[in-house]
Amino acid sequence: MDTVYCRNFRSGFCTCPGMLYVLSQTMSGGKSAGLASTLGASFGGIFHVIAAAFGITAILASSAFAFSIVKYIGAAFLIYLGLKMLYSAYKGNKPKAVETVERKENLNLFFYKVF
């Protein structure tokens, strides 16, 4: 019985990247930014469930070619984001995390970042 309590207690402190994103956006942008981030993460999860219901997840799991295409598109997107960040640093722009939050961000931006 003790292991069940320990497991449940430990799982309460496990964070996933989505939770960390919502936490960081709430701390930097306030309650409205956190709420928009939470809604975006929720709709992203719903999209994944709908994709699984229509069998898209099964297609990706069974077809190595389809999975490779999705994998390489994701890798290309991450490379694009990295190059964009390097270019921004080269031009002398501060990253958004370093800048002080002086203006209200568009709530749609918080929603679509995590979706």
Protein backbone atom coordinates (compact mmCIF):
# COMPACT_ATOMS: atom_id res chain seq x y z
CA MET A 1 0.00 0.00 0.00
CA ASP A 2 2.89 2.33 0.69
CA THR A 3 4.16 2.00 -2.87
CA VAL A 4 0.80 3.15 -4.27
CA TYR A 5 0.93 6.29 -2.15
CA CYS A 6 4.54 6.96 -3.11
CA ARG A 7 3.76 6.48 -6.79
CA ASN A 8 0.78 8.82 -6.65
CA PHE A 9 2.74 11.40 -4.67
CA ARG A 10 5.65 11.23 -7.12
CA SER A 11 3.39 11.52 -10.17
CA GLY A 12 2.03 14.78 -8.81
CA PHE A 13 5.47 16.34 -9.20
CA CYS A 14 6.27 14.96 -12.64
CA THR A 15 6.03 17.70 -15.20
CA CYS A 16 5.79 17.38 -18.92
CA PRO A 17 6.92 20.04 -21.40
CA GLY A 18 3.35 21.29 -21.81
CA MET A 19 2.99 21.94 -18.10
CA LEU A 20 6.35 23.70 -17.99
CA TYR A 21 5.32 25.85 -20.97
CA VAL A 22 2.04 26.85 -19.31
CA LEU A 23 3.88 27.61 -16.07
CA SER A 24 6.47 29.78 -17.81
CA GLN A 25 3.86 31.67 -19.82
CA THR A 26 1.75 32.25 -16.71
CA MET A 27 4.75 33.56 -14.78
CA SER A 28 5.90 35.85 -17.57
CA GLY A 29 2.59 36.94 -19.10
CA GLY A 30 0.07 36.74 -16.30
CA LYS A 31 -3.15 34.87 -15.77
CA SER A 32 -4.60 35.53 -19.22
CA ALA A 33 -1.47 34.26 -20.99
CA GLY A 34 -1.51 31.15 -18.81
CA LEU A 35 -5.18 30.53 -19.58
CA ALA A 36 -4.59 30.94 -23.32
CA SER A 37 -1.61 28.54 -23.10
CA THR A 38 -3.72 26.02 -21.18
CA LEU A 39 -6.49 26.18 -23.78
CA GLY A 40 -3.95 25.74 -26.57
CA ALA A 41 -2.46 22.66 -24.88
CA SER A 42 -5.94 21.25 -24.32
CA PHE A 43 -6.98 21.72 -27.94
CA GLY A 44 -3.69 20.16 -29.06
CA GLY A 45 -4.52 17.09 -26.98
CA ILE A 46 -8.03 16.97 -28.39
CA PHE A 47 -6.57 17.16 -31.92
CA HIS A 48 -4.34 14.17 -31.10
CA VAL A 49 -7.33 12.17 -29.80
CA ILE A 50 -9.34 12.97 -32.93
CA ALA A 51 -6.41 11.94 -35.13
CA ALA A 52 -6.21 8.65 -33.22
CA ALA A 53 -9.96 8.14 -33.59
CA PHE A 54 -9.75 8.53 -37.36
CA GLY A 55 -6.83 6.13 -37.57
CA ILE A 56 -4.15 8.61 -38.56
CA THR A 57 -2.03 7.49 -35.62
CA ALA A 58 -2.37 3.85 -36.73
CA ILE A 59 -1.30 4.78 -40.25
CA LEU A 60 1.78 6.53 -38.93
CA ALA A 61 2.57 3.58 -36.66
CA SER A 62 2.24 1.00 -39.44
CA SER A 63 3.83 2.91 -42.31
CA ALA A 64 7.52 3.59 -41.93
CA PHE A 65 7.44 5.94 -44.92
CA ALA A 66 4.62 8.10 -43.53
CA PHE A 67 6.29 8.22 -40.13
CA SER A 68 9.59 9.23 -41.73
CA ILE A 69 7.90 12.06 -43.61
CA VAL A 70 6.34 13.42 -40.41
CA LYS A 71 9.63 12.97 -38.57
CA TYR A 72 11.65 14.87 -41.18
CA ILE A 73 9.09 17.67 -41.38
CA GLY A 74 9.33 18.03 -37.60
CA ALA A 75 13.13 18.01 -37.74
CA ALA A 76 13.12 20.65 -40.49
CA PHE A 77 10.81 22.82 -38.40
CA LEU A 78 13.14 22.53 -35.38
CA ILE A 79 16.12 23.43 -37.57
CA TYR A 80 14.20 26.44 -38.86
CA LEU A 81 13.46 27.57 -35.30
CA GLY A 82 17.10 27.13 -34.31
CA LEU A 83 18.37 29.09 -37.30
CA LYS A 84 15.83 31.82 -36.63
CA MET A 85 17.06 32.05 -33.04
CA LEU A 86 20.72 32.16 -34.13
CA TYR A 87 19.96 34.86 -36.70
CA SER A 88 18.12 36.86 -34.06
CA ALA A 89 21.11 36.56 -31.71
CA TYR A 90 23.48 37.56 -34.52
CA LYS A 91 21.46 40.71 -35.20
CA GLY A 92 21.68 41.59 -31.51
CA ASN A 93 18.05 41.07 -30.63
CA LYS A 94 17.39 39.79 -27.14
CA PRO A 95 15.40 36.58 -26.83
CA LYS A 96 11.83 37.04 -25.66
CA ALA A 97 12.59 35.37 -22.33
CA VAL A 98 15.22 38.01 -21.52
CA GLU A 99 13.14 41.01 -22.51
CA THR A 100 10.98 42.58 -19.87
CA VAL A 101 7.30 42.18 -20.51
CA GLU A 102 6.15 45.75 -21.07
CA ARG A 103 3.26 45.11 -23.42
CA LYS A 104 0.43 42.66 -23.47
CA GLU A 105 1.06 39.81 -25.87
CA ASN A 106 -1.66 38.77 -28.22
CA LEU A 107 -3.52 35.89 -26.55
CA ASN A 108 -3.81 34.06 -29.86
CA LEU A 109 -0.03 33.86 -29.92
CA PHE A 110 0.04 31.96 -26.61
CA PHE A 111 -2.71 29.65 -27.85
CA TYR A 112 -1.02 28.78 -31.14
CA LYS A 113 2.46 28.38 -29.67
CA VAL A 114 1.45 25.29 -27.78
CA PHE A 115 -1.20 24.00 -30.20
